[in-house]
Amino acid sequence: VQLVESGGGLVQPGGSLRLSCAVSGSISNINMDVMRWYRQAPGRQRELVAHITRLGTTSYADSVKGRFTISRDNAKKTVYLQMNSLKPEDTAVYYCYRYIPYEGSEYWGQGTQVTVSS
């Protein structure tokens, strides 16, 4: 099972980025899975940013509510994180996370760097 993030980069404050997490491998059907985005800034613990259930119910960290949107396309086996009104404090490595309930197993992507700076 592989999770490959893309879409990170350098953006000015107030800008937008869209992260993608593509799932592949022997268990690539994500229809029943919980998918999340986490981030980790230098010197800080990894934190949960956004969460989406198999039914599409979403939740967000208070720091990103109203600015970030998580979504999923099960047919494309891809999860997205649309990030708007980016702030310098959003700078971090962003990680995709997958939890497979019937297996009780979890997987992580390798991370993608997001830098918000003028």
C-alpha atoms as a PDB file:
ATOM      1  CA  VAL A   1       0.000   0.000   0.000  1.00  0.00           C
ATOM      2  CA  GLN A   2       1.374   3.396  -0.983  1.00  0.00           C
ATOM      3  CA  LEU A   3       0.172   6.903  -0.261  1.00  0.00           C
ATOM      4  CA  VAL A   4       1.815   9.545  -2.424  1.00  0.00           C
ATOM      5  CA  GLU A   5       1.277  13.204  -1.625  1.00  0.00           C
ATOM      6  CA  SER A   6       1.757  15.989  -4.135  1.00  0.00           C
ATOM      7  CA  GLY A   7       0.936  19.650  -4.578  1.00  0.00           C
ATOM      8  CA  GLY A   8       3.146  21.212  -1.930  1.00  0.00           C
ATOM      9  CA  GLY A   9       5.409  24.147  -2.572  1.00  0.00           C
ATOM     10  CA  LEU A  10       6.181  27.766  -1.774  1.00  0.00           C
ATOM     11  CA  VAL A  11       3.285  30.222  -1.659  1.00  0.00           C
ATOM     12  CA  GLN A  12       2.838  33.787  -0.450  1.00  0.00           C
ATOM     13  CA  PRO A  13       0.633  34.580   2.548  1.00  0.00           C
ATOM     14  CA  GLY A  14      -2.990  34.697   1.455  1.00  0.00           C
ATOM     15  CA  GLY A  15      -2.373  32.257  -1.356  1.00  0.00           C
ATOM     16  CA  SER A  16      -3.782  28.807  -2.017  1.00  0.00           C
ATOM     17  CA  LEU A  17      -2.517  25.291  -2.603  1.00  0.00           C
ATOM     18  CA  ARG A  18      -4.242  22.005  -3.270  1.00  0.00           C
ATOM     19  CA  LEU A  19      -2.631  18.869  -1.914  1.00  0.00           C
ATOM     20  CA  SER A  20      -3.402  15.446  -3.340  1.00  0.00           C
ATOM     21  CA  CYS A  21      -2.903  11.998  -1.830  1.00  0.00           C
ATOM     22  CA  ALA A  22      -3.039   9.125  -4.300  1.00  0.00           C
ATOM     23  CA  VAL A  23      -3.463   5.598  -2.949  1.00  0.00           C
ATOM     24  CA  SER A  24      -2.048   2.579  -4.749  1.00  0.00           C
ATOM     25  CA  GLY A  25      -0.979  -0.977  -4.025  1.00  0.00           C
ATOM     26  CA  SER A  26      -2.619  -4.236  -3.105  1.00  0.00           C
ATOM     27  CA  ILE A  27      -5.387  -2.629  -1.021  1.00  0.00           C
ATOM     28  CA  SER A  28      -6.154   0.512  -2.984  1.00  0.00           C
ATOM     29  CA  ASN A  29      -9.941   0.682  -2.629  1.00  0.00           C
ATOM     30  CA  ILE A  30     -10.484   3.500  -0.134  1.00  0.00           C
ATOM     31  CA  ASN A  31     -14.290   3.484  -0.067  1.00  0.00           C
ATOM     32  CA  MET A  32     -14.541   2.268   3.540  1.00  0.00           C
ATOM     33  CA  ASP A  33     -11.483   4.041   4.906  1.00  0.00           C
ATOM     34  CA  VAL A  34     -10.940   7.002   7.179  1.00  0.00           C
ATOM     35  CA  MET A  35      -8.584   9.485   5.561  1.00  0.00           C
ATOM     36  CA  ARG A  36      -6.755  12.325   7.261  1.00  0.00           C
ATOM     37  CA  TRP A  37      -4.212  15.036   6.693  1.00  0.00           C
ATOM     38  CA  TYR A  38      -1.641  15.772   9.385  1.00  0.00           C
ATOM     39  CA  ARG A  39       1.163  18.314   9.461  1.00  0.00           C
ATOM     40  CA  GLN A  40       4.415  18.734  11.324  1.00  0.00           C
ATOM     41  CA  ALA A  41       6.300  21.986  11.633  1.00  0.00           C
ATOM     42  CA  PRO A  42       9.976  22.090  12.650  1.00  0.00           C
ATOM     43  CA  GLY A  43      10.374  21.507  16.373  1.00  0.00           C
ATOM     44  CA  ARG A  44       6.709  20.700  16.858  1.00  0.00           C
ATOM     45  CA  GLN A  45       4.632  17.559  17.221  1.00  0.00           C
ATOM     46  CA  ARG A  46       2.640  16.189  14.341  1.00  0.00           C
ATOM     47  CA  GLU A  47      -0.923  17.491  14.482  1.00  0.00           C
ATOM     48  CA  LEU A  48      -4.199  16.457  12.894  1.00  0.00           C
ATOM     49  CA  VAL A  49      -5.370  19.003  10.341  1.00  0.00           C
ATOM     50  CA  ALA A  50      -8.433  17.435   8.717  1.00  0.00           C
ATOM     51  CA  HIS A  51     -10.413  14.207   8.795  1.00  0.00           C
ATOM     52  CA  ILE A  52     -12.966  12.650   6.444  1.00  0.00           C
ATOM     53  CA  THR A  53     -15.027   9.520   7.049  1.00  0.00           C
ATOM     54  CA  ARG A  54     -16.202   6.997   4.467  1.00  0.00           C
ATOM     55  CA  LEU A  55     -19.542   8.836   4.408  1.00  0.00           C
ATOM     56  CA  GLY A  56     -17.871  12.171   3.717  1.00  0.00           C
ATOM     57  CA  THR A  57     -18.255  13.660   7.177  1.00  0.00           C
ATOM     58  CA  THR A  58     -15.435  16.108   7.810  1.00  0.00           C
ATOM     59  CA  SER A  59     -13.762  17.744  10.775  1.00  0.00           C
ATOM     60  CA  TYR A  60     -10.931  20.244  11.097  1.00  0.00           C
ATOM     61  CA  ALA A  61      -8.413  21.635  13.527  1.00  0.00           C
ATOM     62  CA  ASP A  62      -9.573  24.980  14.887  1.00  0.00           C
ATOM     63  CA  SER A  63      -6.560  26.668  13.334  1.00  0.00           C
ATOM     64  CA  VAL A  64      -7.660  25.795   9.783  1.00  0.00           C
ATOM     65  CA  LYS A  65     -11.465  25.891  10.000  1.00  0.00           C
ATOM     66  CA  GLY A  66     -12.971  28.008   7.280  1.00  0.00           C
ATOM     67  CA  ARG A  67      -9.739  27.995   5.269  1.00  0.00           C
ATOM     68  CA  PHE A  68      -9.029  24.319   4.498  1.00  0.00           C
ATOM     69  CA  THR A  69     -11.307  21.750   2.892  1.00  0.00           C
ATOM     70  CA  ILE A  70     -10.731  17.997   2.794  1.00  0.00           C
ATOM     71  CA  SER A  71     -12.445  15.923   0.120  1.00  0.00           C
ATOM     72  CA  ARG A  72     -12.208  12.484  -1.395  1.00  0.00           C
ATOM     73  CA  ASP A  73     -12.728  10.890  -4.786  1.00  0.00           C
ATOM     74  CA  ASN A  74     -13.067   7.162  -4.161  1.00  0.00           C
ATOM     75  CA  ALA A  75     -13.137   6.339  -7.870  1.00  0.00           C
ATOM     76  CA  LYS A  76      -9.764   8.036  -8.300  1.00  0.00           C
ATOM     77  CA  LYS A  77      -8.494   6.650  -4.955  1.00  0.00           C
ATOM     78  CA  THR A  78      -7.418  10.149  -4.063  1.00  0.00           C
ATOM     79  CA  VAL A  79      -7.904  12.514  -1.134  1.00  0.00           C
ATOM     80  CA  TYR A  80      -7.454  16.264  -1.415  1.00  0.00           C
ATOM     81  CA  LEU A  81      -6.733  19.158   0.888  1.00  0.00           C
ATOM     82  CA  GLN A  82      -7.667  22.547  -0.507  1.00  0.00           C
ATOM     83  CA  MET A  83      -5.838  25.223   1.472  1.00  0.00           C
ATOM     84  CA  ASN A  84      -6.892  28.859   1.104  1.00  0.00           C
ATOM     85  CA  SER A  85      -5.856  32.064   2.855  1.00  0.00           C
ATOM     86  CA  LEU A  86      -2.568  30.456   3.801  1.00  0.00           C
ATOM     87  CA  LYS A  87      -0.584  31.896   6.690  1.00  0.00           C
ATOM     88  CA  PRO A  88       3.112  31.599   7.581  1.00  0.00           C
ATOM     89  CA  GLU A  89       2.102  29.397  10.534  1.00  0.00           C
ATOM     90  CA  ASP A  90       0.713  26.850   8.063  1.00  0.00           C
ATOM     91  CA  THR A  91       4.289  26.100   7.013  1.00  0.00           C
ATOM     92  CA  ALA A  92       4.935  22.404   7.663  1.00  0.00           C
ATOM     93  CA  VAL A  93       5.356  19.006   6.098  1.00  0.00           C
ATOM     94  CA  TYR A  94       1.880  17.686   5.323  1.00  0.00           C
ATOM     95  CA  TYR A  95       1.206  13.963   5.594  1.00  0.00           C
ATOM     96  CA  CYS A  96      -1.617  11.841   4.278  1.00  0.00           C
ATOM     97  CA  TYR A  97      -2.949   9.124   6.580  1.00  0.00           C
ATOM     98  CA  ARG A  98      -5.187   6.161   5.878  1.00  0.00           C
ATOM     99  CA  TYR A  99      -6.986   3.918   8.364  1.00  0.00           C
ATOM    100  CA  ILE A 100      -8.532   0.659   7.118  1.00  0.00           C
ATOM    101  CA  PRO A 101     -11.220  -0.284   9.682  1.00  0.00           C
ATOM    102  CA  TYR A 102     -11.715  -3.949   8.750  1.00  0.00           C
ATOM    103  CA  GLU A 103      -7.969  -4.518   9.011  1.00  0.00           C
ATOM    104  CA  GLY A 104      -7.259  -2.213  11.900  1.00  0.00           C
ATOM    105  CA  SER A 105      -4.233  -1.036   9.960  1.00  0.00           C
ATOM    106  CA  GLU A 106      -2.922   2.409   9.174  1.00  0.00           C
ATOM    107  CA  TYR A 107      -0.616   3.874   6.552  1.00  0.00           C
ATOM    108  CA  TRP A 108       1.266   7.120   6.071  1.00  0.00           C
ATOM    109  CA  GLY A 109       2.540   8.980   3.067  1.00  0.00           C
ATOM    110  CA  GLN A 110       6.048  10.361   2.814  1.00  0.00           C
ATOM    111  CA  GLY A 111       4.933  13.965   3.236  1.00  0.00           C
ATOM    112  CA  THR A 112       4.972  17.088   1.105  1.00  0.00           C
ATOM    113  CA  GLN A 113       6.488  20.417   2.137  1.00  0.00           C
ATOM    114  CA  VAL A 114       4.305  23.506   2.285  1.00  0.00           C
ATOM    115  CA  THR A 115       6.066  26.820   2.864  1.00  0.00           C
ATOM    116  CA  VAL A 116       4.125  30.059   3.268  1.00  0.00           C
ATOM    117  CA  SER A 117       6.427  33.037   3.005  1.00  0.00           C
ATOM    118  CA  SER A 118       6.756  36.380   1.277  1.00  0.00           C
END
